[in-house]
Amino acid sequence: MKKLLGIIFIFFLVMAWPAIKTAYQLADLYNLLPQISYSNKDFDIETVTSSVDYNENGTDDYTDIMLGARADRKNKPDYDPSYVLGGYPPEDKGVCTDVVWRGFRNAGYSLRWMLDRDITLYPRDYPNANPKDDNIDFRRVKNLRVFFDKYAVELTTDINDIEQWQGGDIVIFKDNKHIGIVSDKRNADGQCYIIHNGGQPKREEDYFKRGEVLRHYRFDASLVPQEILVRWEGN
């Protein structure tokens, strides 16, 4: 009897193995398995800080942007792409672009009105903002790509060039429909985690295994024309 039960158990294990393997692979892909994160120090990487502290809170811009994105991650807003009259969704709602403007807000910038100002000055640069609508333009990845192409420092898209990736950087992914903020956490290979919202279970995660990088930026306000910069004043 024991031998028969053993044979039955092995049979069902063999039959179930493809499903078990698939479930494991999906859990790993979406970072649902226990993980150990690493820091710059673990790879002897010098942490790059901004020379600008735009909101004068004692924390440099790059760190402020990352911490603002992390605050959104901790809040874990429901994924909701709804159009919002007034522009800003509630703090418990959002999409990938909301992680970005909330990160910038934490550094003292109004990304919404910076983008709107640039669209007003250079409408031909923004084919996806025609007609212009400040309620939604800043929540569209394609518009943000134009803005960052113009005003941010463009960096490597090679995820294995790990020293060139720093917390607070901005990354746009291959389909031009997803954006996130680079974390100061890294995987075992030194690749940075990404703070983003695509409705996934973990909002700060080892995302490069799922998303191919299209653009990688660092926002240095000292290189941006003063007429483009707009301070966050609650609107």
C-alpha atoms as a PDB file:
ATOM      1  CA  MET A   1       0.000   0.000   0.000  1.00  0.00           C
ATOM      2  CA  LYS A   2       2.791   2.409   0.932  1.00  0.00           C
ATOM      3  CA  LYS A   3       4.507   1.613  -2.345  1.00  0.00           C
ATOM      4  CA  LEU A   4       1.298   2.345  -4.266  1.00  0.00           C
ATOM      5  CA  LEU A   5       0.819   5.663  -2.446  1.00  0.00           C
ATOM      6  CA  GLY A   6       4.409   6.565  -3.236  1.00  0.00           C
ATOM      7  CA  ILE A   7       3.875   5.833  -6.915  1.00  0.00           C
ATOM      8  CA  ILE A   8       0.671   7.910  -6.941  1.00  0.00           C
ATOM      9  CA  PHE A   9       2.464  10.806  -5.215  1.00  0.00           C
ATOM     10  CA  ILE A  10       5.321  10.727  -7.726  1.00  0.00           C
ATOM     11  CA  PHE A  11       2.825  10.556 -10.605  1.00  0.00           C
ATOM     12  CA  PHE A  12       0.938  13.625  -9.428  1.00  0.00           C
ATOM     13  CA  LEU A  13       4.195  15.468  -8.721  1.00  0.00           C
ATOM     14  CA  VAL A  14       5.402  14.799 -12.265  1.00  0.00           C
ATOM     15  CA  MET A  15       2.058  15.902 -13.691  1.00  0.00           C
ATOM     16  CA  ALA A  16       2.006  19.057 -11.575  1.00  0.00           C
ATOM     17  CA  TRP A  17       5.660  19.992 -12.111  1.00  0.00           C
ATOM     18  CA  PRO A  18       5.095  22.236 -15.189  1.00  0.00           C
ATOM     19  CA  ALA A  19       2.496  24.241 -13.252  1.00  0.00           C
ATOM     20  CA  ILE A  20       4.768  24.453 -10.206  1.00  0.00           C
ATOM     21  CA  LYS A  21       7.686  25.574 -12.369  1.00  0.00           C
ATOM     22  CA  THR A  22       5.554  28.216 -14.107  1.00  0.00           C
ATOM     23  CA  ALA A  23       4.263  29.525 -10.780  1.00  0.00           C
ATOM     24  CA  TYR A  24       7.819  29.777  -9.452  1.00  0.00           C
ATOM     25  CA  GLN A  25       9.020  31.610 -12.560  1.00  0.00           C
ATOM     26  CA  LEU A  26       6.152  34.103 -12.337  1.00  0.00           C
ATOM     27  CA  ALA A  27       6.772  34.654  -8.637  1.00  0.00           C
ATOM     28  CA  ASP A  28      10.430  35.344  -9.387  1.00  0.00           C
ATOM     29  CA  LEU A  29       9.612  37.598 -12.352  1.00  0.00           C
ATOM     30  CA  TYR A  30       7.313  39.734 -10.209  1.00  0.00           C
ATOM     31  CA  ASN A  31       9.662  39.649  -7.215  1.00  0.00           C
ATOM     32  CA  LEU A  32       7.223  37.850  -4.928  1.00  0.00           C
ATOM     33  CA  LEU A  33       9.923  35.555  -3.529  1.00  0.00           C
ATOM     34  CA  PRO A  34      12.110  36.667  -0.601  1.00  0.00           C
ATOM     35  CA  GLN A  35      14.866  38.973  -1.835  1.00  0.00           C
ATOM     36  CA  ILE A  36      17.978  40.611  -0.463  1.00  0.00           C
ATOM     37  CA  SER A  37      18.673  44.159  -1.614  1.00  0.00           C
ATOM     38  CA  TYR A  38      22.083  45.791  -1.728  1.00  0.00           C
ATOM     39  CA  SER A  39      23.400  49.344  -1.637  1.00  0.00           C
ATOM     40  CA  ASN A  40      26.058  51.365  -3.454  1.00  0.00           C
ATOM     41  CA  LYS A  41      28.442  50.596  -0.616  1.00  0.00           C
ATOM     42  CA  ASP A  42      28.199  46.860  -1.299  1.00  0.00           C
ATOM     43  CA  PHE A  43      29.655  47.456  -4.779  1.00  0.00           C
ATOM     44  CA  ASP A  44      32.088  50.252  -3.866  1.00  0.00           C
ATOM     45  CA  ILE A  45      29.991  52.699  -5.879  1.00  0.00           C
ATOM     46  CA  GLU A  46      30.167  56.344  -4.896  1.00  0.00           C
ATOM     47  CA  THR A  47      26.741  57.859  -4.320  1.00  0.00           C
ATOM     48  CA  VAL A  48      26.208  60.849  -6.605  1.00  0.00           C
ATOM     49  CA  THR A  49      24.367  63.796  -5.078  1.00  0.00           C
ATOM     50  CA  SER A  50      23.028  66.902  -6.765  1.00  0.00           C
ATOM     51  CA  SER A  51      24.657  70.291  -6.317  1.00  0.00           C
ATOM     52  CA  VAL A  52      21.107  71.670  -6.145  1.00  0.00           C
ATOM     53  CA  ASP A  53      18.777  71.669  -3.152  1.00  0.00           C
ATOM     54  CA  TYR A  54      15.870  73.416  -4.828  1.00  0.00           C
ATOM     55  CA  ASN A  55      13.503  73.399  -1.866  1.00  0.00           C
ATOM     56  CA  GLU A  56      16.327  74.207   0.578  1.00  0.00           C
ATOM     57  CA  ASN A  57      15.396  71.407   2.966  1.00  0.00           C
ATOM     58  CA  GLY A  58      18.959  70.217   3.501  1.00  0.00           C
ATOM     59  CA  THR A  59      18.598  67.248   1.133  1.00  0.00           C
ATOM     60  CA  ASP A  60      19.924  67.298  -2.429  1.00  0.00           C
ATOM     61  CA  ASP A  61      17.521  67.061  -5.373  1.00  0.00           C
ATOM     62  CA  TYR A  62      18.388  63.520  -6.456  1.00  0.00           C
ATOM     63  CA  THR A  63      17.757  62.157  -2.982  1.00  0.00           C
ATOM     64  CA  ASP A  64      14.593  64.209  -2.581  1.00  0.00           C
ATOM     65  CA  ILE A  65      13.188  62.916  -5.877  1.00  0.00           C
ATOM     66  CA  MET A  66      13.904  59.324  -4.890  1.00  0.00           C
ATOM     67  CA  LEU A  67      12.427  59.758  -1.405  1.00  0.00           C
ATOM     68  CA  GLY A  68       9.321  61.357  -2.875  1.00  0.00           C
ATOM     69  CA  ALA A  69       8.885  58.382  -5.190  1.00  0.00           C
ATOM     70  CA  ARG A  70       9.464  56.031  -2.268  1.00  0.00           C
ATOM     71  CA  ALA A  71       6.775  57.813  -0.258  1.00  0.00           C
ATOM     72  CA  ASP A  72       4.393  57.101  -3.129  1.00  0.00           C
ATOM     73  CA  ARG A  73       5.519  53.475  -3.094  1.00  0.00           C
ATOM     74  CA  LYS A  74       4.796  53.223   0.618  1.00  0.00           C
ATOM     75  CA  ASN A  75       1.380  54.779   0.040  1.00  0.00           C
ATOM     76  CA  LYS A  76       0.782  52.186  -2.720  1.00  0.00           C
ATOM     77  CA  PRO A  77      -1.941  54.053  -4.618  1.00  0.00           C
ATOM     78  CA  ASP A  78      -4.427  52.036  -6.633  1.00  0.00           C
ATOM     79  CA  TYR A  79      -3.580  51.987 -10.331  1.00  0.00           C
ATOM     80  CA  ASP A  80      -6.098  54.354 -11.889  1.00  0.00           C
ATOM     81  CA  PRO A  81      -5.462  56.158 -15.214  1.00  0.00           C
ATOM     82  CA  SER A  82      -8.663  58.226 -15.016  1.00  0.00           C
ATOM     83  CA  TYR A  83      -8.642  61.793 -16.282  1.00  0.00           C
ATOM     84  CA  VAL A  84      -8.773  64.168 -13.317  1.00  0.00           C
ATOM     85  CA  LEU A  85     -10.266  67.635 -13.557  1.00  0.00           C
ATOM     86  CA  GLY A  86      -7.732  69.811 -11.771  1.00  0.00           C
ATOM     87  CA  GLY A  87      -4.846  67.587 -12.838  1.00  0.00           C
ATOM     88  CA  TYR A  88      -3.796  65.818  -9.673  1.00  0.00           C
ATOM     89  CA  PRO A  89      -5.330  62.473  -8.716  1.00  0.00           C
ATOM     90  CA  PRO A  90      -5.962  61.716  -5.019  1.00  0.00           C
ATOM     91  CA  GLU A  91      -2.915  60.402  -3.160  1.00  0.00           C
ATOM     92  CA  ASP A  92      -4.459  56.916  -3.093  1.00  0.00           C
ATOM     93  CA  LYS A  93      -4.783  56.832  -6.902  1.00  0.00           C
ATOM     94  CA  GLY A  94      -2.212  57.048  -9.661  1.00  0.00           C
ATOM     95  CA  VAL A  95      -0.192  55.620 -12.523  1.00  0.00           C
ATOM     96  CA  CYS A  96       3.500  55.497 -13.403  1.00  0.00           C
ATOM     97  CA  THR A  97       3.740  59.190 -14.279  1.00  0.00           C
ATOM     98  CA  ASP A  98       2.279  60.150 -10.907  1.00  0.00           C
ATOM     99  CA  VAL A  99       5.272  58.545  -9.204  1.00  0.00           C
ATOM    100  CA  VAL A 100       7.471  60.968 -11.139  1.00  0.00           C
ATOM    101  CA  TRP A 101       5.699  64.254 -10.432  1.00  0.00           C
ATOM    102  CA  ARG A 102       5.279  63.239  -6.791  1.00  0.00           C
ATOM    103  CA  GLY A 103       9.009  62.610  -6.634  1.00  0.00           C
ATOM    104  CA  PHE A 104       9.682  66.036  -8.129  1.00  0.00           C
ATOM    105  CA  ARG A 105       7.186  67.602  -5.744  1.00  0.00           C
ATOM    106  CA  ASN A 106       9.243  66.298  -2.844  1.00  0.00           C
ATOM    107  CA  ALA A 107      12.248  68.184  -4.257  1.00  0.00           C
ATOM    108  CA  GLY A 108      10.238  71.392  -4.593  1.00  0.00           C
ATOM    109  CA  TYR A 109       9.405  71.285  -8.312  1.00  0.00           C
ATOM    110  CA  SER A 110       6.030  71.506 -10.013  1.00  0.00           C
ATOM    111  CA  LEU A 111       6.622  69.159 -12.924  1.00  0.00           C
ATOM    112  CA  ARG A 112       3.093  69.810 -14.147  1.00  0.00           C
ATOM    113  CA  TRP A 113       3.646  73.523 -14.638  1.00  0.00           C
ATOM    114  CA  MET A 114       7.207  73.168 -15.874  1.00  0.00           C
ATOM    115  CA  LEU A 115       5.921  70.905 -18.613  1.00  0.00           C
ATOM    116  CA  ASP A 116       2.985  73.196 -19.322  1.00  0.00           C
ATOM    117  CA  ARG A 117       5.307  76.174 -19.609  1.00  0.00           C
ATOM    118  CA  ASP A 118       7.526  74.336 -22.095  1.00  0.00           C
ATOM    119  CA  ILE A 119       4.528  73.178 -24.132  1.00  0.00           C
ATOM    120  CA  THR A 120       3.298  76.773 -24.273  1.00  0.00           C
ATOM    121  CA  LEU A 121       6.697  78.029 -25.413  1.00  0.00           C
ATOM    122  CA  TYR A 122       7.453  75.184 -27.816  1.00  0.00           C
ATOM    123  CA  PRO A 123       4.170  73.532 -28.871  1.00  0.00           C
ATOM    124  CA  ARG A 124       5.709  71.881 -31.939  1.00  0.00           C
ATOM    125  CA  ASP A 125       8.003  69.862 -29.683  1.00  0.00           C
ATOM    126  CA  TYR A 126       4.968  68.113 -28.188  1.00  0.00           C
ATOM    127  CA  PRO A 127       2.887  66.355 -30.879  1.00  0.00           C
ATOM    128  CA  ASN A 128       1.080  64.377 -28.165  1.00  0.00           C
ATOM    129  CA  ALA A 129      -0.082  67.551 -26.420  1.00  0.00           C
ATOM    130  CA  ASN A 130      -2.295  68.842 -29.205  1.00  0.00           C
ATOM    131  CA  PRO A 131      -4.558  70.328 -28.034  1.00  0.00           C
ATOM    132  CA  LYS A 132      -2.741  71.334 -24.869  1.00  0.00           C
ATOM    133  CA  ASP A 133      -4.368  70.209 -21.609  1.00  0.00           C
ATOM    134  CA  ASP A 134      -2.526  70.891 -18.355  1.00  0.00           C
ATOM    135  CA  ASN A 135      -4.811  68.439 -16.537  1.00  0.00           C
ATOM    136  CA  ILE A 136      -3.262  65.461 -18.312  1.00  0.00           C
ATOM    137  CA  ASP A 137      -0.193  66.473 -20.345  1.00  0.00           C
ATOM    138  CA  PHE A 138       2.171  65.948 -17.398  1.00  0.00           C
ATOM    139  CA  ARG A 139       0.740  62.469 -16.827  1.00  0.00           C
ATOM    140  CA  ARG A 140       1.688  61.180 -20.273  1.00  0.00           C
ATOM    141  CA  VAL A 141       4.993  59.377 -20.715  1.00  0.00           C
ATOM    142  CA  LYS A 142       5.544  60.598 -24.272  1.00  0.00           C
ATOM    143  CA  ASN A 143       5.313  64.219 -23.140  1.00  0.00           C
ATOM    144  CA  LEU A 144       7.675  63.593 -20.238  1.00  0.00           C
ATOM    145  CA  ARG A 145      10.136  61.988 -22.630  1.00  0.00           C
ATOM    146  CA  VAL A 146      10.208  65.173 -24.740  1.00  0.00           C
ATOM    147  CA  PHE A 147      10.712  67.300 -21.630  1.00  0.00           C
ATOM    148  CA  PHE A 148      13.506  65.167 -20.217  1.00  0.00           C
ATOM    149  CA  ASP A 149      15.162  64.809 -23.632  1.00  0.00           C
ATOM    150  CA  LYS A 150      15.406  68.598 -23.647  1.00  0.00           C
ATOM    151  CA  TYR A 151      16.276  69.403 -20.049  1.00  0.00           C
ATOM    152  CA  ALA A 152      17.715  66.363 -18.270  1.00  0.00           C
ATOM    153  CA  VAL A 153      21.144  64.787 -18.642  1.00  0.00           C
ATOM    154  CA  GLU A 154      20.839  61.655 -20.767  1.00  0.00           C
ATOM    155  CA  LEU A 155      22.805  58.692 -19.434  1.00  0.00           C
ATOM    156  CA  THR A 156      23.587  55.117 -20.409  1.00  0.00           C
ATOM    157  CA  THR A 157      20.809  52.603 -20.992  1.00  0.00           C
ATOM    158  CA  ASP A 158      23.184  49.713 -20.230  1.00  0.00           C
ATOM    159  CA  ILE A 159      21.857  48.274 -16.967  1.00  0.00           C
ATOM    160  CA  ASN A 160      25.159  46.467 -16.396  1.00  0.00           C
ATOM    161  CA  ASP A 161      27.081  49.752 -16.290  1.00  0.00           C
ATOM    162  CA  ILE A 162      26.038  49.849 -12.666  1.00  0.00           C
ATOM    163  CA  GLU A 163      28.118  52.838 -11.543  1.00  0.00           C
ATOM    164  CA  GLN A 164      26.148  55.073 -13.915  1.00  0.00           C
ATOM    165  CA  TRP A 165      22.841  54.344 -12.195  1.00  0.00           C
ATOM    166  CA  GLN A 166      21.947  56.344  -9.094  1.00  0.00           C
ATOM    167  CA  GLY A 167      18.946  56.891  -6.876  1.00  0.00           C
ATOM    168  CA  GLY A 168      16.724  59.686  -8.171  1.00  0.00           C
ATOM    169  CA  ASP A 169      17.480  59.035 -11.845  1.00  0.00           C
ATOM    170  CA  ILE A 170      14.539  58.751 -14.226  1.00  0.00           C
ATOM    171  CA  VAL A 171      14.005  55.832 -16.580  1.00  0.00           C
ATOM    172  CA  ILE A 172      11.611  55.326 -19.491  1.00  0.00           C
ATOM    173  CA  PHE A 173      10.995  51.834 -20.801  1.00  0.00           C
ATOM    174  CA  LYS A 174      11.030  50.459 -24.325  1.00  0.00           C
ATOM    175  CA  ASP A 175       7.373  50.759 -25.272  1.00  0.00           C
ATOM    176  CA  ASN A 176       7.481  54.476 -24.403  1.00  0.00           C
ATOM    177  CA  LYS A 177       4.479  53.899 -22.148  1.00  0.00           C
ATOM    178  CA  HIS A 178       6.099  53.345 -18.763  1.00  0.00           C
ATOM    179  CA  ILE A 179       8.327  55.460 -16.541  1.00  0.00           C
ATOM    180  CA  GLY A 180       9.863  55.167 -13.091  1.00  0.00           C
ATOM    181  CA  ILE A 181      12.377  56.567 -10.633  1.00  0.00           C
ATOM    182  CA  VAL A 182      15.624  54.744  -9.911  1.00  0.00           C
ATOM    183  CA  SER A 183      16.025  53.468  -6.346  1.00  0.00           C
ATOM    184  CA  ASP A 184      19.185  53.377  -4.243  1.00  0.00           C
ATOM    185  CA  LYS A 185      18.555  49.653  -3.709  1.00  0.00           C
ATOM    186  CA  ARG A 186      20.249  47.112  -5.975  1.00  0.00           C
ATOM    187  CA  ASN A 187      20.036  43.423  -6.804  1.00  0.00           C
ATOM    188  CA  ALA A 188      22.862  40.926  -6.351  1.00  0.00           C
ATOM    189  CA  ASP A 189      24.370  41.978  -9.698  1.00  0.00           C
ATOM    190  CA  GLY A 190      24.380  45.644  -8.732  1.00  0.00           C
ATOM    191  CA  GLN A 191      21.476  46.592 -10.979  1.00  0.00           C
ATOM    192  CA  CYS A 192      19.210  49.224  -9.474  1.00  0.00           C
ATOM    193  CA  TYR A 193      15.659  48.660  -8.358  1.00  0.00           C
ATOM    194  CA  ILE A 194      12.957  50.847  -9.917  1.00  0.00           C
ATOM    195  CA  ILE A 195      10.193  52.675  -8.059  1.00  0.00           C
ATOM    196  CA  HIS A 196       7.150  52.642 -10.318  1.00  0.00           C
ATOM    197  CA  ASN A 197       3.430  51.988 -10.545  1.00  0.00           C
ATOM    198  CA  GLY A 198       2.093  49.635 -13.154  1.00  0.00           C
ATOM    199  CA  GLY A 199      -0.384  48.154 -10.718  1.00  0.00           C
ATOM    200  CA  GLN A 200       2.104  45.445  -9.726  1.00  0.00           C
ATOM    201  CA  PRO A 201       2.292  43.994  -6.175  1.00  0.00           C
ATOM    202  CA  LYS A 202       5.733  45.468  -5.375  1.00  0.00           C
ATOM    203  CA  ARG A 203       6.277  49.118  -6.265  1.00  0.00           C
ATOM    204  CA  GLU A 204      10.038  49.219  -5.548  1.00  0.00           C
ATOM    205  CA  GLU A 205      11.563  46.204  -7.200  1.00  0.00           C
ATOM    206  CA  ASP A 206      14.110  44.545  -9.471  1.00  0.00           C
ATOM    207  CA  TYR A 207      12.216  45.568 -12.610  1.00  0.00           C
ATOM    208  CA  PHE A 208      14.901  45.391 -15.295  1.00  0.00           C
ATOM    209  CA  LYS A 209      14.162  41.682 -15.747  1.00  0.00           C
ATOM    210  CA  ARG A 210      10.726  42.696 -17.109  1.00  0.00           C
ATOM    211  CA  GLY A 211      11.307  46.092 -18.695  1.00  0.00           C
ATOM    212  CA  GLU A 212      13.787  47.091 -21.397  1.00  0.00           C
ATOM    213  CA  VAL A 213      15.249  50.568 -20.949  1.00  0.00           C
ATOM    214  CA  LEU A 214      14.621  53.215 -23.600  1.00  0.00           C
ATOM    215  CA  ARG A 215      15.877  56.356 -21.823  1.00  0.00           C
ATOM    216  CA  HIS A 216      17.848  57.058 -18.649  1.00  0.00           C
ATOM    217  CA  TYR A 217      18.072  60.601 -17.282  1.00  0.00           C
ATOM    218  CA  ARG A 218      19.353  62.651 -14.372  1.00  0.00           C
ATOM    219  CA  PHE A 219      17.631  65.969 -13.669  1.00  0.00           C
ATOM    220  CA  ASP A 220      20.221  68.634 -12.890  1.00  0.00           C
ATOM    221  CA  ALA A 221      18.352  71.894 -12.326  1.00  0.00           C
ATOM    222  CA  SER A 222      21.581  73.886 -12.575  1.00  0.00           C
ATOM    223  CA  LEU A 223      21.551  73.119 -16.318  1.00  0.00           C
ATOM    224  CA  VAL A 224      17.892  74.032 -16.867  1.00  0.00           C
ATOM    225  CA  PRO A 225      16.895  77.538 -18.026  1.00  0.00           C
ATOM    226  CA  GLN A 226      15.387  79.503 -15.160  1.00  0.00           C
ATOM    227  CA  GLU A 227      12.280  80.330 -17.180  1.00  0.00           C
ATOM    228  CA  ILE A 228      11.426  76.619 -17.277  1.00  0.00           C
ATOM    229  CA  LEU A 229      11.759  75.923 -13.547  1.00  0.00           C
ATOM    230  CA  VAL A 230       8.586  76.240 -11.460  1.00  0.00           C
ATOM    231  CA  ARG A 231       8.431  75.799  -7.695  1.00  0.00           C
ATOM    232  CA  TRP A 232       5.855  73.557  -6.098  1.00  0.00           C
ATOM    233  CA  GLU A 233       3.331  75.738  -4.301  1.00  0.00           C
ATOM    234  CA  GLY A 234       0.576  73.213  -3.804  1.00  0.00           C
ATOM    235  CA  ASN A 235      -0.819  73.447  -7.310  1.00  0.00           C
END
